[in-house]
Protein backbone atom coordinates (compact mmCIF):
# COMPACT_ATOMS: atom_id res chain seq x y z
CA MET A 1 225.16 9.15 16.43
CA ARG A 2 222.72 8.30 19.15
CA ASN A 3 222.49 5.86 21.99
CA LEU A 4 226.24 5.33 22.46
CA ARG A 5 228.45 5.45 25.53
CA VAL A 6 232.12 6.36 25.10
CA ASN A 7 234.92 6.10 27.69
CA VAL A 8 238.71 6.30 27.77
CA PHE A 9 240.53 4.23 30.40
CA THR A 10 244.16 3.95 31.49
CA LEU A 11 245.26 0.75 33.20
CA ALA A 12 248.67 0.82 34.91
CA GLU A 13 249.08 -2.95 35.19
CA GLY A 14 247.19 -6.20 35.47
CA PRO A 15 243.58 -7.05 34.53
CA LEU A 16 240.17 -5.51 35.07
CA SER A 17 237.34 -7.63 36.48
CA LYS A 18 235.79 -10.25 34.23
CA HIS A 19 232.30 -9.08 33.28
CA LEU A 20 229.56 -9.13 30.68
CA HIS A 21 226.96 -6.67 29.47
CA ARG A 22 223.44 -7.97 29.03
CA GLU A 23 222.53 -5.56 26.20
CA GLN A 24 225.61 -3.57 25.23
CA GLU A 25 228.02 -4.40 22.45
CA GLU A 26 231.45 -2.83 22.85
CA VAL A 27 234.39 -1.89 20.65
CA TYR A 28 237.80 -1.57 22.31
CA LEU A 29 240.45 0.55 20.55
CA VAL A 30 243.95 0.58 22.02
CA LEU A 31 245.44 4.07 22.02
CA ALA A 32 248.73 3.23 23.78
CA GLY A 33 250.25 -0.01 25.07
CA THR A 34 249.26 -3.64 24.55
CA ALA A 35 246.08 -5.35 25.74
CA MET A 36 245.07 -8.97 26.14
CA ILE A 37 241.30 -9.22 25.90
CA ASP A 38 239.66 -12.48 26.91
CA VAL A 39 236.28 -12.97 25.26
CA ASP A 40 234.48 -16.08 26.47
CA GLN A 41 237.04 -18.85 25.76
CA GLU A 42 239.28 -16.90 23.34
CA GLN A 43 242.18 -14.48 23.87
CA PHE A 44 243.09 -11.56 21.63
CA LYS A 45 246.31 -9.57 21.91
CA ILE A 46 245.83 -6.10 20.47
CA GLY A 47 248.26 -3.23 20.16
CA GLU A 48 248.13 0.45 19.38
CA ARG A 49 245.56 1.46 16.76
CA GLU A 50 244.00 -2.02 16.79
CA ALA A 51 240.41 -2.68 17.77
CA LEU A 52 238.25 -5.58 18.90
CA ALA A 53 234.45 -5.88 19.00
CA VAL A 54 232.85 -7.69 21.94
CA PRO A 55 229.23 -8.85 21.52
CA ALA A 56 226.58 -8.48 24.20
CA ARG A 57 226.39 -11.37 26.72
CA ALA A 58 230.07 -12.35 26.18
CA TRP A 59 232.20 -12.66 29.31
CA HIS A 60 235.28 -10.52 28.83
CA ARG A 61 238.29 -9.09 30.64
CA VAL A 62 240.92 -6.55 29.58
CA ALA A 63 244.50 -6.85 30.85
CA ASN A 64 247.57 -4.70 30.39
CA VAL A 65 250.27 -7.04 29.06
CA GLY A 66 252.71 -4.44 27.76
CA ARG A 67 255.37 -2.25 29.27
CA GLY A 68 253.96 0.95 30.69
CA PRO A 69 250.33 2.02 30.93
CA LEU A 70 247.56 0.75 28.67
CA THR A 71 245.17 3.42 27.40
CA PHE A 72 242.09 2.32 25.50
CA PHE A 73 238.89 3.82 24.11
CA VAL A 74 235.60 1.94 24.52
CA VAL A 75 232.40 2.57 22.57
CA ALA A 76 229.30 0.78 23.85
CA ALA A 77 225.80 0.62 22.42
CA PRO A 78 223.10 0.98 23.46
CA ALA A 79 223.89 3.38 26.33
CA VAL A 80 222.21 1.39 29.11
CA ASP A 81 222.69 1.92 32.86
CA ASP A 82 223.26 -1.03 35.20
CA ASP A 83 223.94 -3.38 32.30
CA ALA A 84 227.02 -5.19 33.64
CA GLU A 85 227.36 -8.46 35.55
CA ILE A 86 230.67 -9.00 37.36
CA ALA A 87 232.11 -12.53 37.67
CA GLY A 88 232.14 -13.72 41.26
């Protein structure tokens, strides 16, 4: 596979910043815990071994809504630097 970016994050509590990626599509896979992912005007609650695709140019935010830490795997394509816009 080429032109992908992969990260694993652990979120103790609360949400990350609302943001979008101009070019990148992302897939979020929950490894442990429960996430609420806001995508534009919709909310998706996903648990362990569940995934959600987020299209490019969609405002989104990940929040830990479970007990204990949330660990999730993110695959993004294409692997582009400086692609994010953070909501102000």
